[in-house]
N, C-alpha and C. Protein backbone atom coordinates (compact mmCIF):
# COMPACT_ATOMS: atom_id res chain seq x y z
N UNK A 1 79.14 94.87 80.92
CA UNK A 1 79.07 95.58 82.21
C UNK A 1 79.47 94.65 83.35
N UNK A 2 80.42 95.10 84.16
CA UNK A 2 80.85 94.30 85.31
C UNK A 2 79.81 94.40 86.42
N UNK A 3 79.50 93.27 87.03
CA UNK A 3 78.46 93.24 88.05
C UNK A 3 79.06 93.10 89.44
N UNK A 4 78.61 93.94 90.38
CA UNK A 4 79.11 93.84 91.75
C UNK A 4 78.62 92.56 92.42
N UNK A 5 77.58 91.94 91.87
CA UNK A 5 77.10 90.67 92.43
C UNK A 5 77.95 89.49 91.98
N UNK A 6 78.81 89.73 90.99
CA UNK A 6 79.62 88.62 90.45
C UNK A 6 81.10 88.80 90.81
N UNK A 7 81.33 89.24 92.05
CA UNK A 7 82.68 89.47 92.54
C UNK A 7 83.02 88.40 93.59
N UNK A 8 84.24 87.92 93.55
CA UNK A 8 84.75 87.06 94.61
C UNK A 8 85.59 87.90 95.56
N UNK A 9 85.60 87.53 96.83
CA UNK A 9 86.39 88.27 97.82
C UNK A 9 87.36 87.30 98.50
N UNK A 10 88.62 87.72 98.60
CA UNK A 10 89.63 86.96 99.34
C UNK A 10 89.97 87.74 100.60
N UNK A 11 89.74 87.13 101.76
CA UNK A 11 90.13 87.74 103.03
C UNK A 11 91.39 87.03 103.52
N UNK A 12 92.49 87.78 103.59
CA UNK A 12 93.79 87.19 103.93
C UNK A 12 93.98 87.16 105.44
N UNK A 13 94.08 85.95 105.99
CA UNK A 13 94.21 85.79 107.44
C UNK A 13 95.17 84.65 107.78
N UNK A 14 96.21 84.49 106.94
CA UNK A 14 97.07 83.32 107.07
C UNK A 14 98.34 83.57 107.88
N UNK A 15 98.70 84.83 108.09
CA UNK A 15 100.01 85.14 108.67
C UNK A 15 100.14 84.79 110.14
N UNK A 16 101.40 84.65 110.55
CA UNK A 16 101.69 84.29 111.93
C UNK A 16 101.77 85.52 112.83
N UNK A 17 101.95 86.70 112.25
CA UNK A 17 102.08 87.95 113.00
C UNK A 17 103.11 87.81 114.13
N UNK A 18 104.35 87.59 113.72
CA UNK A 18 105.42 87.31 114.66
C UNK A 18 105.66 88.39 115.70
N UNK A 19 105.32 89.64 115.36
CA UNK A 19 105.57 90.73 116.31
C UNK A 19 104.50 90.85 117.39
N UNK A 20 103.42 90.09 117.24
CA UNK A 20 102.36 90.11 118.25
C UNK A 20 102.58 88.97 119.24
N UNK A 21 102.27 89.22 120.50
CA UNK A 21 102.38 88.12 121.47
C UNK A 21 101.24 87.12 121.33
N UNK A 22 100.14 87.59 120.78
CA UNK A 22 98.94 86.76 120.66
C UNK A 22 98.67 86.43 119.20
N UNK A 23 97.67 85.58 118.97
CA UNK A 23 97.22 85.31 117.61
C UNK A 23 96.44 86.54 117.14
N UNK A 24 97.01 87.26 116.18
CA UNK A 24 96.44 88.55 115.79
C UNK A 24 94.99 88.42 115.33
N UNK A 25 94.70 87.39 114.56
CA UNK A 25 93.35 87.24 114.01
C UNK A 25 92.29 87.12 115.10
N UNK A 26 92.70 86.70 116.31
CA UNK A 26 91.74 86.46 117.41
C UNK A 26 91.75 87.58 118.46
N UNK A 27 92.46 88.66 118.21
CA UNK A 27 92.48 89.77 119.17
C UNK A 27 91.08 90.36 119.34
N UNK A 28 90.69 90.72 120.57
CA UNK A 28 89.35 91.28 120.80
C UNK A 28 89.11 92.56 119.98
N UNK A 29 87.87 92.64 119.45
CA UNK A 29 87.49 93.85 118.71
C UNK A 29 85.97 93.99 118.70
N UNK A 30 85.48 95.01 119.37
CA UNK A 30 84.06 95.39 119.34
C UNK A 30 83.12 94.21 119.56
N UNK A 31 83.30 93.52 120.67
CA UNK A 31 82.38 92.45 121.04
C UNK A 31 82.66 91.12 120.37
N UNK A 32 83.65 91.08 119.48
CA UNK A 32 84.02 89.83 118.85
C UNK A 32 85.54 89.81 118.73
N UNK A 33 86.09 89.27 117.64
CA UNK A 33 87.54 89.32 117.45
C UNK A 33 87.84 89.81 116.04
N UNK A 34 89.09 90.16 115.84
CA UNK A 34 89.48 90.93 114.66
C UNK A 34 89.01 90.31 113.35
N UNK A 35 89.34 89.05 113.11
CA UNK A 35 88.98 88.43 111.84
C UNK A 35 87.47 88.31 111.69
N UNK A 36 86.77 87.94 112.75
CA UNK A 36 85.31 87.83 112.67
C UNK A 36 84.69 89.18 112.36
N UNK A 37 85.21 90.23 112.99
CA UNK A 37 84.68 91.58 112.76
C UNK A 37 84.86 91.99 111.30
N UNK A 38 86.08 91.77 110.78
CA UNK A 38 86.34 92.13 109.38
C UNK A 38 85.47 91.29 108.45
N UNK A 39 85.35 90.00 108.74
CA UNK A 39 84.53 89.13 107.89
C UNK A 39 83.07 89.55 107.93
N UNK A 40 82.58 89.95 109.08
CA UNK A 40 81.19 90.43 109.18
C UNK A 40 80.96 91.64 108.28
N UNK A 41 81.96 92.54 108.20
CA UNK A 41 81.83 93.71 107.33
C UNK A 41 81.81 93.27 105.86
N UNK A 42 82.67 92.34 105.52
CA UNK A 42 82.75 91.86 104.13
C UNK A 42 81.46 91.15 103.74
N UNK A 43 80.84 90.45 104.69
CA UNK A 43 79.61 89.71 104.39
C UNK A 43 78.43 90.64 104.11
N UNK A 44 78.59 91.94 104.40
CA UNK A 44 77.54 92.89 104.06
C UNK A 44 77.53 93.25 102.58
N UNK A 45 78.57 92.87 101.86
CA UNK A 45 78.63 93.14 100.42
C UNK A 45 77.74 92.16 99.68
N UNK A 46 77.43 92.50 98.43
CA UNK A 46 76.62 91.59 97.60
C UNK A 46 77.50 90.68 96.76
N UNK A 47 78.65 90.29 97.30
CA UNK A 47 79.58 89.48 96.52
C UNK A 47 79.04 88.08 96.27
N UNK A 48 79.53 87.47 95.19
CA UNK A 48 79.09 86.11 94.85
C UNK A 48 79.65 85.10 95.85
N UNK A 49 80.92 85.29 96.24
CA UNK A 49 81.55 84.32 97.14
C UNK A 49 82.70 84.96 97.90
N UNK A 50 82.86 84.57 99.16
CA UNK A 50 83.96 85.02 99.99
C UNK A 50 84.80 83.81 100.36
N UNK A 51 86.12 83.95 100.27
CA UNK A 51 87.00 82.88 100.73
C UNK A 51 87.97 83.47 101.75
N UNK A 52 88.03 82.84 102.91
CA UNK A 52 88.97 83.23 103.96
C UNK A 52 90.17 82.31 103.89
N UNK A 53 91.36 82.90 103.74
CA UNK A 53 92.58 82.09 103.61
C UNK A 53 93.29 82.06 104.96
N UNK A 54 93.35 80.86 105.56
CA UNK A 54 94.03 80.68 106.83
C UNK A 54 95.37 79.98 106.61
N UNK A 55 96.25 80.08 107.61
CA UNK A 55 97.54 79.42 107.54
C UNK A 55 98.02 79.09 108.94
N UNK A 56 98.77 80.03 109.55
CA UNK A 56 99.22 79.83 110.93
C UNK A 56 98.02 79.75 111.86
N UNK A 57 98.09 78.85 112.81
CA UNK A 57 97.02 78.69 113.82
C UNK A 57 95.65 78.42 113.19
N UNK A 58 95.65 77.76 112.04
CA UNK A 58 94.41 77.62 111.27
C UNK A 58 93.30 76.94 112.05
N UNK A 59 93.62 75.86 112.75
CA UNK A 59 92.55 75.11 113.43
C UNK A 59 91.92 75.92 114.55
N UNK A 60 92.76 76.62 115.30
CA UNK A 60 92.24 77.43 116.41
C UNK A 60 91.35 78.56 115.89
N UNK A 61 91.81 79.21 114.82
CA UNK A 61 91.03 80.31 114.24
C UNK A 61 89.73 79.78 113.64
N UNK A 62 89.83 78.68 112.90
CA UNK A 62 88.65 78.11 112.23
C UNK A 62 87.58 77.72 113.24
N UNK A 63 88.00 77.18 114.38
CA UNK A 63 87.02 76.75 115.38
C UNK A 63 86.33 77.93 116.05
N UNK A 64 86.92 79.11 115.96
CA UNK A 64 86.32 80.31 116.55
C UNK A 64 85.41 81.07 115.59
N UNK A 65 85.65 80.90 114.29
CA UNK A 65 84.92 81.68 113.28
C UNK A 65 83.49 81.21 113.11
N UNK A 66 82.60 82.18 112.98
CA UNK A 66 81.21 81.88 112.61
C UNK A 66 81.01 82.38 111.19
N UNK A 67 80.69 81.46 110.29
CA UNK A 67 80.51 81.84 108.89
C UNK A 67 79.21 81.26 108.36
N UNK A 68 78.78 81.81 107.24
CA UNK A 68 77.60 81.31 106.53
C UNK A 68 78.09 80.50 105.33
N UNK A 69 77.95 79.16 105.39
CA UNK A 69 78.47 78.34 104.29
C UNK A 69 77.87 78.67 102.93
N UNK A 70 76.72 79.33 102.92
CA UNK A 70 76.12 79.67 101.63
C UNK A 70 76.82 80.84 100.95
N UNK A 71 77.64 81.58 101.72
CA UNK A 71 78.35 82.72 101.11
C UNK A 71 79.86 82.63 101.27
N UNK A 72 80.33 81.84 102.23
CA UNK A 72 81.73 81.92 102.64
C UNK A 72 82.38 80.54 102.73
N UNK A 73 83.58 80.44 102.18
CA UNK A 73 84.40 79.24 102.31
C UNK A 73 85.65 79.58 103.11
N UNK A 74 86.14 78.62 103.87
CA UNK A 74 87.40 78.77 104.59
C UNK A 74 88.38 77.77 104.02
N UNK A 75 89.54 78.25 103.58
CA UNK A 75 90.56 77.33 103.08
C UNK A 75 91.85 77.51 103.87
N UNK A 76 92.66 76.47 103.88
CA UNK A 76 93.97 76.54 104.52
C UNK A 76 95.05 76.52 103.45
N UNK A 77 95.95 77.49 103.53
CA UNK A 77 97.07 77.55 102.60
C UNK A 77 98.28 76.89 103.26
N UNK A 78 98.64 75.71 102.77
CA UNK A 78 99.73 74.94 103.39
C UNK A 78 101.08 75.64 103.24
N UNK A 79 101.19 76.52 102.24
CA UNK A 79 102.47 77.21 102.01
C UNK A 79 102.40 78.68 102.42
N UNK A 80 101.59 78.98 103.43
CA UNK A 80 101.39 80.37 103.88
C UNK A 80 102.68 81.05 104.30
N UNK A 81 103.68 80.27 104.75
CA UNK A 81 104.91 80.87 105.24
C UNK A 81 105.70 81.58 104.14
N UNK A 82 105.37 81.31 102.89
CA UNK A 82 106.04 82.02 101.80
C UNK A 82 105.63 83.49 101.75
N UNK A 83 104.53 83.84 102.39
CA UNK A 83 104.17 85.25 102.47
C UNK A 83 102.79 85.56 101.90
N UNK A 84 102.47 86.84 101.98
CA UNK A 84 101.15 87.35 101.61
C UNK A 84 100.79 87.00 100.16
N UNK A 85 101.76 87.18 99.26
CA UNK A 85 101.49 86.92 97.84
C UNK A 85 101.07 85.48 97.60
N UNK A 86 101.72 84.55 98.30
CA UNK A 86 101.39 83.14 98.16
C UNK A 86 99.96 82.86 98.60
N UNK A 87 99.51 83.55 99.65
CA UNK A 87 98.13 83.35 100.13
C UNK A 87 97.12 84.02 99.20
N UNK A 88 97.50 85.15 98.60
CA UNK A 88 96.63 85.75 97.58
C UNK A 88 96.42 84.76 96.44
N UNK A 89 97.52 84.17 95.97
CA UNK A 89 97.43 83.20 94.87
C UNK A 89 96.54 82.02 95.25
N UNK A 90 96.67 81.55 96.49
CA UNK A 90 95.85 80.41 96.94
C UNK A 90 94.36 80.77 96.92
N UNK A 91 94.02 81.97 97.39
CA UNK A 91 92.63 82.40 97.41
C UNK A 91 92.05 82.59 96.02
N UNK A 92 92.83 83.23 95.15
CA UNK A 92 92.37 83.47 93.78
C UNK A 92 92.23 82.14 93.03
N UNK A 93 93.19 81.23 93.26
CA UNK A 93 93.12 79.92 92.59
C UNK A 93 91.85 79.18 93.01
N UNK A 94 91.54 79.21 94.29
CA UNK A 94 90.34 78.54 94.77
C UNK A 94 89.08 79.14 94.15
N UNK A 95 88.99 80.46 94.14
CA UNK A 95 87.82 81.11 93.55
C UNK A 95 87.68 80.79 92.07
N UNK A 96 88.82 80.84 91.37
CA UNK A 96 88.76 80.63 89.93
C UNK A 96 88.37 79.19 89.60
N UNK A 97 88.85 78.25 90.39
CA UNK A 97 88.53 76.85 90.11
C UNK A 97 87.12 76.47 90.55
N UNK A 98 86.58 77.22 91.53
CA UNK A 98 85.31 76.80 92.13
C UNK A 98 84.13 77.65 91.68
N UNK A 99 84.38 78.94 91.40
CA UNK A 99 83.26 79.84 91.12
C UNK A 99 83.45 80.65 89.84
N UNK A 100 84.23 80.15 88.93
CA UNK A 100 84.49 80.85 87.68
C UNK A 100 83.24 80.84 86.79
N UNK A 101 83.02 81.87 85.94
CA UNK A 101 83.84 83.07 85.81
C UNK A 101 83.36 84.19 86.75
N UNK A 102 84.29 84.93 87.28
CA UNK A 102 83.98 86.09 88.12
C UNK A 102 84.41 87.36 87.41
N UNK A 103 83.67 88.44 87.64
CA UNK A 103 84.01 89.72 87.02
C UNK A 103 85.21 90.39 87.68
N UNK A 104 85.50 90.00 88.92
CA UNK A 104 86.63 90.60 89.63
C UNK A 104 86.85 89.90 90.96
N UNK A 105 88.05 90.10 91.52
CA UNK A 105 88.38 89.56 92.84
C UNK A 105 88.84 90.70 93.73
N UNK A 106 88.13 90.87 94.85
CA UNK A 106 88.46 91.90 95.85
C UNK A 106 89.32 91.26 96.93
N UNK A 107 90.46 91.89 97.23
CA UNK A 107 91.38 91.36 98.23
C UNK A 107 91.37 92.27 99.45
N UNK A 108 91.12 91.67 100.62
CA UNK A 108 91.06 92.41 101.89
C UNK A 108 91.99 91.76 102.91
N UNK A 109 92.39 92.54 103.90
CA UNK A 109 93.25 92.04 104.98
C UNK A 109 92.43 91.86 106.26
N UNK A 110 92.81 90.85 107.03
CA UNK A 110 92.10 90.57 108.29
C UNK A 110 92.42 91.58 109.37
N UNK A 111 93.47 92.39 109.17
CA UNK A 111 93.88 93.30 110.26
C UNK A 111 93.63 94.77 109.93
N UNK A 112 92.59 95.03 109.14
CA UNK A 112 92.19 96.42 108.85
C UNK A 112 90.74 96.62 109.30
N UNK A 113 90.49 96.65 110.61
CA UNK A 113 89.11 96.69 111.11
C UNK A 113 88.40 98.02 110.87
N UNK A 114 89.13 99.06 110.49
CA UNK A 114 88.47 100.35 110.27
C UNK A 114 87.84 100.45 108.87
N UNK A 115 88.20 99.53 107.99
CA UNK A 115 87.61 99.53 106.65
C UNK A 115 86.12 99.22 106.76
N UNK A 116 85.30 100.05 106.14
CA UNK A 116 83.84 99.93 106.27
C UNK A 116 83.22 99.27 105.04
N UNK A 117 82.02 98.70 105.20
CA UNK A 117 81.30 98.20 104.03
C UNK A 117 81.07 99.30 102.99
N UNK A 118 80.82 100.54 103.44
CA UNK A 118 80.63 101.65 102.50
C UNK A 118 81.85 101.83 101.61
N UNK A 119 83.03 101.78 102.23
CA UNK A 119 84.26 101.95 101.46
C UNK A 119 84.44 100.79 100.47
N UNK A 120 84.21 99.57 100.93
CA UNK A 120 84.35 98.42 100.04
C UNK A 120 83.33 98.48 98.90
N UNK A 121 82.12 98.92 99.21
CA UNK A 121 81.11 99.08 98.16
C UNK A 121 81.51 100.16 97.16
N UNK A 122 82.22 101.17 97.65
CA UNK A 122 82.71 102.22 96.75
C UNK A 122 83.73 101.64 95.77
N UNK A 123 84.59 100.77 96.27
CA UNK A 123 85.56 100.10 95.40
C UNK A 123 84.82 99.30 94.32
N UNK A 124 83.80 98.54 94.75
CA UNK A 124 83.04 97.72 93.80
C UNK A 124 82.31 98.57 92.78
N UNK A 125 81.73 99.68 93.23
CA UNK A 125 80.99 100.57 92.33
C UNK A 125 81.91 101.18 91.28
N UNK A 126 83.05 101.69 91.72
CA UNK A 126 84.00 102.28 90.78
C UNK A 126 84.49 101.24 89.78
N UNK A 127 84.73 100.03 90.27
CA UNK A 127 85.19 98.95 89.40
C UNK A 127 84.14 98.61 88.35
N UNK A 128 82.87 98.60 88.76
CA UNK A 128 81.81 98.19 87.84
C UNK A 128 81.44 99.28 86.84
N UNK A 129 81.79 100.53 87.14
CA UNK A 129 81.37 101.63 86.27
C UNK A 129 82.52 102.29 85.50
N UNK A 130 83.75 102.13 85.97
CA UNK A 130 84.89 102.77 85.30
C UNK A 130 85.61 101.78 84.39
N UNK A 131 86.27 102.30 83.38
CA UNK A 131 86.99 101.44 82.43
C UNK A 131 88.41 101.18 82.93
N UNK A 132 88.50 100.45 84.05
CA UNK A 132 89.80 100.12 84.64
C UNK A 132 89.80 98.64 85.02
N UNK A 133 91.01 98.08 85.17
CA UNK A 133 91.13 96.68 85.57
C UNK A 133 91.39 96.52 87.06
N UNK A 134 91.83 97.62 87.71
CA UNK A 134 92.13 97.58 89.14
C UNK A 134 91.56 98.82 89.80
N UNK A 135 90.92 98.64 90.94
CA UNK A 135 90.62 99.76 91.84
C UNK A 135 91.30 99.43 93.16
N UNK A 136 92.23 100.32 93.56
CA UNK A 136 93.05 100.05 94.74
C UNK A 136 92.93 101.20 95.73
N UNK A 137 93.42 100.95 96.94
CA UNK A 137 93.40 101.96 97.99
C UNK A 137 94.69 102.79 97.92
N UNK A 138 94.53 104.09 97.95
CA UNK A 138 95.67 105.00 97.84
C UNK A 138 96.23 105.28 99.23
N UNK A 139 97.46 104.82 99.46
CA UNK A 139 98.12 105.02 100.74
C UNK A 139 98.98 106.29 100.75
N UNK A 140 98.84 107.12 99.73
CA UNK A 140 99.66 108.32 99.64
C UNK A 140 100.80 108.11 98.66
N UNK A 141 101.82 107.39 99.12
CA UNK A 141 102.97 107.14 98.24
C UNK A 141 102.84 105.84 97.46
N UNK A 142 101.87 105.03 97.80
CA UNK A 142 101.72 103.76 97.09
C UNK A 142 100.25 103.33 97.08
N UNK A 143 99.96 102.39 96.22
CA UNK A 143 98.64 101.77 96.18
C UNK A 143 98.69 100.45 96.95
N UNK A 144 97.55 100.06 97.52
CA UNK A 144 97.52 98.81 98.25
C UNK A 144 96.12 98.27 98.36
N UNK A 145 95.96 97.30 99.25
CA UNK A 145 94.65 96.68 99.47
C UNK A 145 93.95 97.37 100.65
N UNK A 146 92.63 97.32 100.68
CA UNK A 146 91.72 96.60 99.79
C UNK A 146 91.85 97.07 98.33
N UNK A 147 91.82 96.09 97.44
CA UNK A 147 91.90 96.37 96.01
C UNK A 147 91.16 95.27 95.26
N UNK A 148 90.60 95.66 94.12
CA UNK A 148 89.90 94.67 93.28
C UNK A 148 90.62 94.56 91.95
N UNK A 149 90.69 93.34 91.44
CA UNK A 149 91.40 93.05 90.20
C UNK A 149 90.47 92.37 89.22
N UNK A 150 90.52 92.80 87.97
CA UNK A 150 89.71 92.20 86.91
C UNK A 150 90.33 90.91 86.39
N UNK A 151 89.58 90.17 85.56
CA UNK A 151 90.02 88.87 85.06
C UNK A 151 91.35 88.91 84.31
N UNK A 152 91.69 90.05 83.68
CA UNK A 152 92.95 90.12 82.94
C UNK A 152 94.17 90.10 83.87
N UNK A 153 93.94 90.23 85.18
CA UNK A 153 95.04 90.18 86.15
C UNK A 153 95.09 88.86 86.92
N UNK A 154 94.15 87.97 86.68
CA UNK A 154 94.13 86.73 87.47
C UNK A 154 95.42 85.93 87.34
N UNK A 155 95.93 85.81 86.10
CA UNK A 155 97.15 85.03 85.91
C UNK A 155 98.31 85.63 86.69
N UNK A 156 98.40 86.95 86.72
CA UNK A 156 99.46 87.62 87.47
C UNK A 156 99.29 87.37 88.98
N UNK A 157 98.05 87.39 89.45
CA UNK A 157 97.79 87.12 90.87
C UNK A 157 98.18 85.69 91.23
N UNK A 158 97.91 84.76 90.32
CA UNK A 158 98.22 83.35 90.58
C UNK A 158 99.73 83.08 90.64
N UNK A 159 100.51 83.99 90.07
CA UNK A 159 101.98 83.80 90.08
C UNK A 159 102.63 84.41 91.31
N UNK A 160 101.87 85.13 92.13
CA UNK A 160 102.46 85.75 93.32
C UNK A 160 102.97 84.68 94.28
N UNK A 161 104.16 84.94 94.83
CA UNK A 161 104.73 83.91 95.69
C UNK A 161 105.65 84.50 96.77
N UNK A 162 105.58 85.81 96.99
CA UNK A 162 106.50 86.42 97.95
C UNK A 162 105.71 87.09 99.07
N UNK A 163 106.41 87.86 99.88
CA UNK A 163 105.75 88.53 100.99
C UNK A 163 105.30 89.94 100.63
N UNK A 164 105.43 90.31 99.36
CA UNK A 164 105.07 91.67 98.97
C UNK A 164 103.61 91.80 98.53
N UNK A 165 102.87 90.74 98.66
CA UNK A 165 101.47 90.81 98.25
C UNK A 165 101.35 91.15 96.78
N UNK A 166 100.42 92.06 96.48
CA UNK A 166 100.17 92.43 95.07
C UNK A 166 100.89 93.71 94.68
N UNK A 167 101.87 94.12 95.47
CA UNK A 167 102.52 95.42 95.24
C UNK A 167 103.11 95.53 93.84
N UNK A 168 103.80 94.47 93.37
CA UNK A 168 104.42 94.53 92.04
C UNK A 168 103.37 94.70 90.94
N UNK A 169 102.24 94.02 91.09
CA UNK A 169 101.17 94.15 90.09
C UNK A 169 100.64 95.57 90.09
N UNK A 170 100.41 96.14 91.27
CA UNK A 170 99.91 97.51 91.35
C UNK A 170 100.91 98.50 90.78
N UNK A 171 102.20 98.28 91.07
CA UNK A 171 103.25 99.21 90.58
C UNK A 171 103.38 99.16 89.06
N UNK A 172 103.13 97.99 88.47
CA UNK A 172 103.38 97.84 87.03
C UNK A 172 102.13 98.02 86.17
N UNK A 173 100.99 98.32 86.79
CA UNK A 173 99.75 98.50 86.02
C UNK A 173 99.05 99.82 86.38
N UNK A 174 99.84 100.85 86.57
CA UNK A 174 99.25 102.13 87.01
C UNK A 174 98.30 102.71 85.97
N UNK A 175 98.52 102.42 84.69
CA UNK A 175 97.68 103.02 83.65
C UNK A 175 96.27 102.45 83.64
N UNK A 176 96.08 101.27 84.25
CA UNK A 176 94.73 100.67 84.29
C UNK A 176 94.22 100.58 85.73
N UNK A 177 94.80 101.42 86.61
CA UNK A 177 94.43 101.40 88.03
C UNK A 177 93.79 102.71 88.44
N UNK A 178 92.69 102.60 89.17
CA UNK A 178 92.07 103.76 89.79
C UNK A 178 92.35 103.69 91.28
N UNK A 179 92.91 104.76 91.84
CA UNK A 179 93.21 104.79 93.26
C UNK A 179 92.14 105.55 94.03
N UNK A 180 91.71 105.00 95.16
CA UNK A 180 90.70 105.66 95.99
C UNK A 180 91.32 106.11 97.31
N UNK A 181 90.92 107.28 97.75
CA UNK A 181 91.36 107.79 99.05
C UNK A 181 90.51 107.13 100.13
N UNK A 182 91.17 106.37 101.01
CA UNK A 182 90.41 105.65 102.04
C UNK A 182 90.22 106.47 103.31
N UNK A 183 90.74 107.70 103.32
CA UNK A 183 90.47 108.65 104.41
C UNK A 183 90.66 108.05 105.80
N UNK A 184 91.86 107.54 106.03
CA UNK A 184 92.20 107.09 107.38
C UNK A 184 91.67 105.72 107.77
N UNK A 185 91.14 104.97 106.82
CA UNK A 185 90.57 103.66 107.16
C UNK A 185 91.58 102.52 107.06
N UNK A 186 92.80 102.83 106.62
CA UNK A 186 93.71 101.76 106.23
C UNK A 186 94.69 101.32 107.30
N UNK A 187 94.54 101.83 108.52
CA UNK A 187 95.47 101.44 109.57
C UNK A 187 95.44 99.93 109.76
N UNK A 188 96.63 99.30 109.70
CA UNK A 188 96.65 97.87 110.00
C UNK A 188 97.45 97.63 111.28
N UNK A 189 97.31 96.45 111.80
CA UNK A 189 97.78 96.15 113.15
C UNK A 189 98.95 95.18 113.07
N UNK A 190 100.17 95.69 113.27
CA UNK A 190 101.36 94.84 113.14
C UNK A 190 102.09 94.61 114.45
N UNK A 191 101.83 95.44 115.45
CA UNK A 191 102.54 95.32 116.74
C UNK A 191 101.53 95.44 117.88
N UNK A 192 101.89 94.97 119.07
CA UNK A 192 101.00 95.15 120.23
C UNK A 192 100.69 96.63 120.48
N UNK A 193 101.68 97.50 120.24
CA UNK A 193 101.47 98.94 120.46
C UNK A 193 100.45 99.50 119.47
N UNK A 194 100.58 99.07 118.20
CA UNK A 194 99.64 99.54 117.18
C UNK A 194 98.23 99.07 117.50
N UNK A 195 98.12 97.82 117.94
CA UNK A 195 96.80 97.29 118.31
C UNK A 195 96.21 98.08 119.47
N UNK A 196 97.00 98.32 120.52
CA UNK A 196 96.50 99.04 121.69
C UNK A 196 96.04 100.44 121.33
N UNK A 197 96.83 101.10 120.47
CA UNK A 197 96.49 102.47 120.05
C UNK A 197 95.17 102.51 119.27
N UNK A 198 95.07 101.64 118.27
CA UNK A 198 93.86 101.64 117.44
C UNK A 198 92.65 101.15 118.24
N UNK A 199 92.89 100.23 119.17
CA UNK A 199 91.81 99.74 120.02
C UNK A 199 91.28 100.87 120.90
N UNK A 200 92.20 101.58 121.56
CA UNK A 200 91.79 102.67 122.46
C UNK A 200 91.06 103.78 121.72
N UNK A 201 91.49 104.04 120.48
CA UNK A 201 90.87 105.11 119.71
C UNK A 201 89.46 104.75 119.23
N UNK A 202 89.16 103.46 119.18
CA UNK A 202 87.89 103.02 118.60
C UNK A 202 86.96 102.31 119.56
N UNK A 203 87.37 102.22 120.82
CA UNK A 203 86.50 101.62 121.84
C UNK A 203 86.27 102.66 122.94
N UNK A 204 85.10 103.23 122.94
CA UNK A 204 84.80 104.25 123.93
C UNK A 204 83.93 103.66 125.04
N UNK A 205 84.24 104.02 126.27
CA UNK A 205 83.44 103.46 127.40
C UNK A 205 81.99 103.87 127.32
């Protein structure tokens, strides 16, 4: 039986977000900033360990983050410029070398502030009770993150090295993947306009 208490979480926060004028991870969000807000939601899970993967602007972001060292590690990926997949591999490698064995690794993005602890717990519950190796978020035409991967996928995750994240793994393992409808929680923030829109919709006077 897979245990939700024996899950590692990788929070991806390494990108430079070239289309934003500001450091995306530090954009204001609900009394704090984007990455801290997302990390606070992730810390509500009963996961064994959380690792935050930083890259661009790492020192500035790290000095702003408040974390609990008993649950969360912050690492810097020196090769973050290779893309999302490279940072996934860095996070999974760190978890596997430091906290092995884990029943699964949950991958989250720093720029999806609408994702709730309830939704993440639903992913963990389905993963622990269903006979699948992946539980992923259904974007309609494709699967994506947040997604959790079982130990049989760790080697594939460690080989990721491009900007496509885990897309190839999700595309090639549909028979062992369960997709969940995230019901509008998956909006991510890639441009100043997208940030302003999602901010206005979720911050009421």
